[in-house]
Amino acid sequence: PAVWGVLQLWTGGLSDRIGRKWMITAGMI
């Protein structure tokens, strides 16, 4: 949860810029 929690400061904003679909796909993989 530490890695998960800290990185969400970056990944949430990144999805605003590059899109949601492939962030979700890659994350699940």
PDB file of all heavy atoms in Angstrom:
ATOM      1  N   PRO A   1       0.805  -1.228   0.000  1.00  0.00           N
ATOM      2  CA  PRO A   1       0.000   0.000   0.000  1.00  0.00           C
ATOM      3  C   PRO A   1       0.835   1.275   0.000  1.00  0.00           C
ATOM      4  O   PRO A   1       0.356   2.318  -0.427  1.00  0.00           O
ATOM      5  CB  PRO A   1      -0.846  -0.124   1.274  1.00  0.00           C
ATOM      6  CG  PRO A   1      -0.089  -1.041   2.152  1.00  0.00           C
ATOM      7  CD  PRO A   1       0.607  -1.997   1.251  1.00  0.00           C
ATOM      8  N   ALA A   2       2.096   1.202   0.476  1.00  0.00           N
ATOM      9  CA  ALA A   2       2.941   2.402   0.449  1.00  0.00           C
ATOM     10  C   ALA A   2       3.259   2.801  -0.990  1.00  0.00           C
ATOM     11  O   ALA A   2       3.111   3.969  -1.381  1.00  0.00           O
ATOM     12  CB  ALA A   2       4.228   2.162   1.233  1.00  0.00           C
ATOM     13  N   VAL A   3       3.697   1.837  -1.796  1.00  0.00           N
ATOM     14  CA  VAL A   3       3.977   2.113  -3.210  1.00  0.00           C
ATOM     15  C   VAL A   3       2.696   2.523  -3.919  1.00  0.00           C
ATOM     16  O   VAL A   3       2.670   3.494  -4.689  1.00  0.00           O
ATOM     17  CB  VAL A   3       4.605   0.868  -3.876  1.00  0.00           C
ATOM     18  CG1 VAL A   3       4.729   1.071  -5.384  1.00  0.00           C
ATOM     19  CG2 VAL A   3       5.964   0.566  -3.263  1.00  0.00           C
ATOM     20  N   TRP A   4       1.648   1.785  -3.675  1.00  0.00           N
ATOM     21  CA  TRP A   4       0.337   2.074  -4.247  1.00  0.00           C
ATOM     22  C   TRP A   4      -0.110   3.475  -3.880  1.00  0.00           C
ATOM     23  O   TRP A   4      -0.518   4.272  -4.736  1.00  0.00           O
ATOM     24  CB  TRP A   4      -0.606   1.006  -3.729  1.00  0.00           C
ATOM     25  CG  TRP A   4      -2.068   1.183  -3.890  1.00  0.00           C
ATOM     26  CD1 TRP A   4      -2.734   2.125  -4.609  1.00  0.00           C
ATOM     27  CD2 TRP A   4      -3.081   0.366  -3.285  1.00  0.00           C
ATOM     28  NE1 TRP A   4      -4.098   1.939  -4.495  1.00  0.00           N
ATOM     29  CE2 TRP A   4      -4.329   0.878  -3.697  1.00  0.00           C
ATOM     30  CE3 TRP A   4      -3.043  -0.739  -2.454  1.00  0.00           C
ATOM     31  CZ2 TRP A   4      -5.531   0.304  -3.281  1.00  0.00           C
ATOM     32  CZ3 TRP A   4      -4.242  -1.307  -2.053  1.00  0.00           C
ATOM     33  CH2 TRP A   4      -5.472  -0.785  -2.463  1.00  0.00           C
ATOM     34  N   GLY A   5      -0.027   3.818  -2.609  1.00  0.00           N
ATOM     35  CA  GLY A   5      -0.499   5.124  -2.148  1.00  0.00           C
ATOM     36  C   GLY A   5       0.298   6.283  -2.709  1.00  0.00           C
ATOM     37  O   GLY A   5      -0.259   7.255  -3.222  1.00  0.00           O
ATOM     38  N   VAL A   6       1.621   6.195  -2.633  1.00  0.00           N
ATOM     39  CA  VAL A   6       2.464   7.314  -3.078  1.00  0.00           C
ATOM     40  C   VAL A   6       2.349   7.530  -4.582  1.00  0.00           C
ATOM     41  O   VAL A   6       2.231   8.675  -5.055  1.00  0.00           O
ATOM     42  CB  VAL A   6       3.932   7.058  -2.671  1.00  0.00           C
ATOM     43  CG1 VAL A   6       4.854   8.090  -3.319  1.00  0.00           C
ATOM     44  CG2 VAL A   6       4.080   7.101  -1.146  1.00  0.00           C
ATOM     45  N   LEU A   7       2.381   6.453  -5.361  1.00  0.00           N
ATOM     46  CA  LEU A   7       2.362   6.597  -6.815  1.00  0.00           C
ATOM     47  C   LEU A   7       1.047   7.168  -7.339  1.00  0.00           C
ATOM     48  O   LEU A   7       1.008   7.714  -8.446  1.00  0.00           O
ATOM     49  CB  LEU A   7       2.634   5.244  -7.480  1.00  0.00           C
ATOM     50  CG  LEU A   7       4.082   4.757  -7.463  1.00  0.00           C
ATOM     51  CD1 LEU A   7       4.213   3.467  -8.235  1.00  0.00           C
ATOM     52  CD2 LEU A   7       5.036   5.808  -8.010  1.00  0.00           C
ATOM     53  N   GLN A   8      -0.032   7.044  -6.567  1.00  0.00           N
ATOM     54  CA  GLN A   8      -1.313   7.564  -7.044  1.00  0.00           C
ATOM     55  C   GLN A   8      -1.308   9.082  -7.175  1.00  0.00           C
ATOM     56  O   GLN A   8      -2.114   9.641  -7.919  1.00  0.00           O
ATOM     57  CB  GLN A   8      -2.436   7.114  -6.105  1.00  0.00           C
ATOM     58  CG  GLN A   8      -2.759   5.646  -6.288  1.00  0.00           C
ATOM     59  CD  GLN A   8      -3.831   5.162  -5.334  1.00  0.00           C
ATOM     60  OE1 GLN A   8      -4.866   4.664  -5.757  1.00  0.00           O
ATOM     61  NE2 GLN A   8      -3.594   5.292  -4.047  1.00  0.00           N
ATOM     62  N   LEU A   9      -0.401   9.753  -6.471  1.00  0.00           N
ATOM     63  CA  LEU A   9      -0.241  11.191  -6.684  1.00  0.00           C
ATOM     64  C   LEU A   9       0.166  11.485  -8.119  1.00  0.00           C
ATOM     65  O   LEU A   9      -0.146  12.551  -8.660  1.00  0.00           O
ATOM     66  CB  LEU A   9       0.819  11.747  -5.729  1.00  0.00           C
ATOM     67  CG  LEU A   9       0.382  11.993  -4.288  1.00  0.00           C
ATOM     68  CD1 LEU A   9       1.589  12.404  -3.449  1.00  0.00           C
ATOM     69  CD2 LEU A   9      -0.694  13.058  -4.222  1.00  0.00           C
ATOM     70  N   TRP A  10       0.843  10.554  -8.744  1.00  0.00           N
ATOM     71  CA  TRP A  10       1.322  10.722 -10.116  1.00  0.00           C
ATOM     72  C   TRP A  10       0.393  10.061 -11.126  1.00  0.00           C
ATOM     73  O   TRP A  10       0.045  10.660 -12.137  1.00  0.00           O
ATOM     74  CB  TRP A  10       2.725  10.136 -10.226  1.00  0.00           C
ATOM     75  CG  TRP A  10       3.283  10.156 -11.617  1.00  0.00           C
ATOM     76  CD1 TRP A  10       3.679  11.257 -12.329  1.00  0.00           C
ATOM     77  CD2 TRP A  10       3.489   9.027 -12.473  1.00  0.00           C
ATOM     78  NE1 TRP A  10       4.136  10.874 -13.578  1.00  0.00           N
ATOM     79  CE2 TRP A  10       4.031   9.513 -13.685  1.00  0.00           C
ATOM     80  CE3 TRP A  10       3.287   7.662 -12.323  1.00  0.00           C
ATOM     81  CZ2 TRP A  10       4.360   8.678 -14.738  1.00  0.00           C
ATOM     82  CZ3 TRP A  10       3.616   6.818 -13.379  1.00  0.00           C
ATOM     83  CH2 TRP A  10       4.142   7.329 -14.565  1.00  0.00           C
ATOM     84  N   THR A  11      -0.049   8.829 -10.848  1.00  0.00           N
ATOM     85  CA  THR A  11      -0.819   8.085 -11.846  1.00  0.00           C
ATOM     86  C   THR A  11      -2.200   8.693 -12.082  1.00  0.00           C
ATOM     87  O   THR A  11      -2.692   8.668 -13.217  1.00  0.00           O
ATOM     88  CB  THR A  11      -0.981   6.614 -11.418  1.00  0.00           C
ATOM     89  OG1 THR A  11      -1.589   6.559 -10.116  1.00  0.00           O
ATOM     90  CG2 THR A  11       0.358   5.913 -11.380  1.00  0.00           C
ATOM     91  N   GLY A  12      -2.838   9.226 -11.042  1.00  0.00           N
ATOM     92  CA  GLY A  12      -4.146   9.836 -11.248  1.00  0.00           C
ATOM     93  C   GLY A  12      -4.074  11.012 -12.198  1.00  0.00           C
ATOM     94  O   GLY A  12      -4.857  11.121 -13.153  1.00  0.00           O
ATOM     95  N   GLY A  13      -3.107  11.915 -11.962  1.00  0.00           N
ATOM     96  CA  GLY A  13      -2.936  13.050 -12.859  1.00  0.00           C
ATOM     97  C   GLY A  13      -2.485  12.639 -14.245  1.00  0.00           C
ATOM     98  O   GLY A  13      -2.868  13.256 -15.244  1.00  0.00           O
ATOM     99  N   LEU A  14      -1.672  11.576 -14.328  1.00  0.00           N
ATOM    100  CA  LEU A  14      -1.215  11.103 -15.634  1.00  0.00           C
ATOM    101  C   LEU A  14      -2.390  10.648 -16.494  1.00  0.00           C
ATOM    102  O   LEU A  14      -2.412  10.881 -17.711  1.00  0.00           O
ATOM    103  CB  LEU A  14      -0.219   9.954 -15.445  1.00  0.00           C
ATOM    104  CG  LEU A  14       0.398   9.376 -16.718  1.00  0.00           C
ATOM    105  CD1 LEU A  14       1.245  10.429 -17.431  1.00  0.00           C
ATOM    106  CD2 LEU A  14       1.248   8.148 -16.382  1.00  0.00           C
ATOM    107  N   SER A  15      -3.393  10.018 -15.865  1.00  0.00           N
ATOM    108  CA  SER A  15      -4.558   9.569 -16.636  1.00  0.00           C
ATOM    109  C   SER A  15      -5.353  10.746 -17.186  1.00  0.00           C
ATOM    110  O   SER A  15      -6.052  10.604 -18.200  1.00  0.00           O
ATOM    111  CB  SER A  15      -5.461   8.684 -15.780  1.00  0.00           C
ATOM    112  OG  SER A  15      -6.204   9.439 -14.841  1.00  0.00           O
ATOM    113  N   ASP A  16      -5.268  11.921 -16.541  1.00  0.00           N
ATOM    114  CA  ASP A  16      -5.906  13.117 -17.100  1.00  0.00           C
ATOM    115  C   ASP A  16      -5.248  13.522 -18.414  1.00  0.00           C
ATOM    116  O   ASP A  16      -5.905  14.059 -19.306  1.00  0.00           O
ATOM    117  CB  ASP A  16      -5.797  14.290 -16.116  1.00  0.00           C
ATOM    118  CG  ASP A  16      -6.646  14.101 -14.872  1.00  0.00           C
ATOM    119  OD1 ASP A  16      -7.697  13.445 -14.964  1.00  0.00           O
ATOM    120  OD2 ASP A  16      -6.260  14.627 -13.814  1.00  0.00           O
ATOM    121  N   ARG A  17      -3.946  13.239 -18.528  1.00  0.00           N
ATOM    122  CA  ARG A  17      -3.194  13.706 -19.697  1.00  0.00           C
ATOM    123  C   ARG A  17      -3.133  12.668 -20.816  1.00  0.00           C
ATOM    124  O   ARG A  17      -3.277  13.014 -21.989  1.00  0.00           O
ATOM    125  CB  ARG A  17      -1.769  14.082 -19.268  1.00  0.00           C
ATOM    126  CG  ARG A  17      -1.730  15.233 -18.281  1.00  0.00           C
ATOM    127  CD  ARG A  17      -0.309  15.742 -18.073  1.00  0.00           C
ATOM    128  NE  ARG A  17       0.543  14.747 -17.424  1.00  0.00           N
ATOM    129  CZ  ARG A  17       0.631  14.581 -16.114  1.00  0.00           C
ATOM    130  NH1 ARG A  17      -0.089  15.331 -15.287  1.00  0.00           N
ATOM    131  NH2 ARG A  17       1.444  13.675 -15.596  1.00  0.00           N
ATOM    132  N   ILE A  18      -2.914  11.389 -20.465  1.00  0.00           N
ATOM    133  CA  ILE A  18      -2.705  10.392 -21.519  1.00  0.00           C
ATOM    134  C   ILE A  18      -3.919   9.489 -21.722  1.00  0.00           C
ATOM    135  O   ILE A  18      -3.940   8.693 -22.666  1.00  0.00           O
ATOM    136  CB  ILE A  18      -1.471   9.518 -21.232  1.00  0.00           C
ATOM    137  CG1 ILE A  18      -1.721   8.594 -20.027  1.00  0.00           C
ATOM    138  CG2 ILE A  18      -0.238  10.377 -21.009  1.00  0.00           C
ATOM    139  CD1 ILE A  18      -0.623   7.571 -19.819  1.00  0.00           C
ATOM    140  N   GLY A  19      -4.923   9.604 -20.855  1.00  0.00           N
ATOM    141  CA  GLY A  19      -6.129   8.808 -21.021  1.00  0.00           C
ATOM    142  C   GLY A  19      -6.260   7.715 -19.978  1.00  0.00           C
ATOM    143  O   GLY A  19      -5.306   7.348 -19.292  1.00  0.00           O
ATOM    144  N   ARG A  20      -7.473   7.191 -19.872  1.00  0.00           N
ATOM    145  CA  ARG A  20      -7.796   6.214 -18.830  1.00  0.00           C
ATOM    146  C   ARG A  20      -7.603   4.764 -19.294  1.00  0.00           C
ATOM    147  O   ARG A  20      -7.129   3.928 -18.538  1.00  0.00           O
ATOM    148  CB  ARG A  20      -9.258   6.359 -18.409  1.00  0.00           C
ATOM    149  CG  ARG A  20      -9.775   7.778 -18.297  1.00  0.00           C
ATOM    150  CD  ARG A  20      -9.336   8.492 -17.071  1.00  0.00           C
ATOM    151  NE  ARG A  20     -10.144   9.691 -16.856  1.00  0.00           N
ATOM    152  CZ  ARG A  20      -9.683  10.798 -16.299  1.00  0.00           C
ATOM    153  NH1 ARG A  20      -8.432  10.871 -15.878  1.00  0.00           N
ATOM    154  NH2 ARG A  20     -10.471  11.849 -16.132  1.00  0.00           N
ATOM    155  N   LYS A  21      -8.005   4.457 -20.514  1.00  0.00           N
ATOM    156  CA  LYS A  21      -8.136   3.064 -20.957  1.00  0.00           C
ATOM    157  C   LYS A  21      -6.845   2.275 -20.808  1.00  0.00           C
ATOM    158  O   LYS A  21      -6.828   1.194 -20.192  1.00  0.00           O
ATOM    159  CB  LYS A  21      -8.624   3.027 -22.410  1.00  0.00           C
ATOM    160  CG  LYS A  21      -8.698   1.609 -22.974  1.00  0.00           C
ATOM    161  CD  LYS A  21      -9.290   1.601 -24.371  1.00  0.00           C
ATOM    162  CE  LYS A  21      -9.382   0.181 -24.905  1.00  0.00           C
ATOM    163  NZ  LYS A  21     -10.096   0.113 -26.193  1.00  0.00           N
ATOM    164  N   TRP A  22      -5.761   2.803 -21.351  1.00  0.00           N
ATOM    165  CA  TRP A  22      -4.534   2.010 -21.359  1.00  0.00           C
ATOM    166  C   TRP A  22      -3.818   2.049 -20.023  1.00  0.00           C
ATOM    167  O   TRP A  22      -3.038   1.145 -19.713  1.00  0.00           O
ATOM    168  CB  TRP A  22      -3.644   2.462 -22.513  1.00  0.00           C
ATOM    169  CG  TRP A  22      -4.319   2.203 -23.818  1.00  0.00           C
ATOM    170  CD1 TRP A  22      -4.800   3.121 -24.702  1.00  0.00           C
ATOM    171  CD2 TRP A  22      -4.660   0.918 -24.366  1.00  0.00           C
ATOM    172  NE1 TRP A  22      -5.408   2.508 -25.768  1.00  0.00           N
ATOM    173  CE2 TRP A  22      -5.337   1.157 -25.598  1.00  0.00           C
ATOM    174  CE3 TRP A  22      -4.461  -0.396 -23.952  1.00  0.00           C
ATOM    175  CZ2 TRP A  22      -5.799   0.114 -26.394  1.00  0.00           C
ATOM    176  CZ3 TRP A  22      -4.930  -1.434 -24.747  1.00  0.00           C
ATOM    177  CH2 TRP A  22      -5.595  -1.169 -25.953  1.00  0.00           C
ATOM    178  N   MET A  23      -4.094   3.043 -19.206  1.00  0.00           N
ATOM    179  CA  MET A  23      -3.593   3.027 -17.832  1.00  0.00           C
ATOM    180  C   MET A  23      -4.217   1.861 -17.070  1.00  0.00           C
ATOM    181  O   MET A  23      -3.537   1.136 -16.333  1.00  0.00           O
ATOM    182  CB  MET A  23      -3.930   4.341 -17.132  1.00  0.00           C
ATOM    183  CG  MET A  23      -3.041   5.505 -17.480  1.00  0.00           C
ATOM    184  SD  MET A  23      -1.455   5.471 -16.609  1.00  0.00           S
ATOM    185  CE  MET A  23      -2.000   5.868 -14.944  1.00  0.00           C
ATOM    186  N   ILE A  24      -5.532   1.683 -17.249  1.00  0.00           N
ATOM    187  CA  ILE A  24      -6.226   0.596 -16.561  1.00  0.00           C
ATOM    188  C   ILE A  24      -5.759  -0.758 -17.094  1.00  0.00           C
ATOM    189  O   ILE A  24      -5.465  -1.683 -16.324  1.00  0.00           O
ATOM    190  CB  ILE A  24      -7.743   0.743 -16.724  1.00  0.00           C
ATOM    191  CG1 ILE A  24      -8.224   2.027 -16.035  1.00  0.00           C
ATOM    192  CG2 ILE A  24      -8.476  -0.466 -16.159  1.00  0.00           C
ATOM    193  CD1 ILE A  24      -9.665   2.402 -16.343  1.00  0.00           C
ATOM    194  N   THR A  25      -5.673  -0.881 -18.408  1.00  0.00           N
ATOM    195  CA  THR A  25      -5.235  -2.144 -19.006  1.00  0.00           C
ATOM    196  C   THR A  25      -3.851  -2.541 -18.517  1.00  0.00           C
ATOM    197  O   THR A  25      -3.631  -3.677 -18.061  1.00  0.00           O
ATOM    198  CB  THR A  25      -5.229  -2.025 -20.537  1.00  0.00           C
ATOM    199  OG1 THR A  25      -6.552  -1.714 -20.996  1.00  0.00           O
ATOM    200  CG2 THR A  25      -4.765  -3.321 -21.176  1.00  0.00           C
ATOM    201  N   ALA A  26      -2.901  -1.607 -18.614  1.00  0.00           N
ATOM    202  CA  ALA A  26      -1.533  -1.906 -18.185  1.00  0.00           C
ATOM    203  C   ALA A  26      -1.466  -2.206 -16.698  1.00  0.00           C
ATOM    204  O   ALA A  26      -0.742  -3.106 -16.261  1.00  0.00           O
ATOM    205  CB  ALA A  26      -0.615  -0.731 -18.533  1.00  0.00           C
ATOM    206  N   GLY A  27      -2.232  -1.458 -15.910  1.00  0.00           N
ATOM    207  CA  GLY A  27      -2.213  -1.673 -14.467  1.00  0.00           C
ATOM    208  C   GLY A  27      -2.719  -3.055 -14.088  1.00  0.00           C
ATOM    209  O   GLY A  27      -2.146  -3.721 -13.217  1.00  0.00           O
ATOM    210  N   MET A  28      -3.789  -3.525 -14.730  1.00  0.00           N
ATOM    211  CA  MET A  28      -4.312  -4.852 -14.441  1.00  0.00           C
ATOM    212  C   MET A  28      -3.310  -5.936 -14.823  1.00  0.00           C
ATOM    213  O   MET A  28      -3.156  -6.942 -14.118  1.00  0.00           O
ATOM    214  CB  MET A  28      -5.632  -5.073 -15.177  1.00  0.00           C
ATOM    215  CG  MET A  28      -6.752  -4.131 -14.780  1.00  0.00           C
ATOM    216  SD  MET A  28      -7.251  -4.285 -13.053  1.00  0.00           S
ATOM    217  CE  MET A  28      -8.110  -5.842 -13.072  1.00  0.00           C
ATOM    218  N   ILE A  29      -2.611  -5.735 -15.927  1.00  0.00           N
ATOM    219  CA  ILE A  29      -1.611  -6.721 -16.355  1.00  0.00           C
ATOM    220  C   ILE A  29      -0.441  -6.755 -15.372  1.00  0.00           C
ATOM    221  O   ILE A  29       0.040  -7.834 -14.993  1.00  0.00           O
ATOM    222  CB  ILE A  29      -1.136  -6.410 -17.777  1.00  0.00           C
ATOM    223  CG1 ILE A  29      -2.282  -6.656 -18.768  1.00  0.00           C
ATOM    224  CG2 ILE A  29       0.088  -7.244 -18.145  1.00  0.00           C
ATOM    225  CD1 ILE A  29      -1.979  -6.226 -20.183  1.00  0.00           C
TER     226      ILE A  29
END
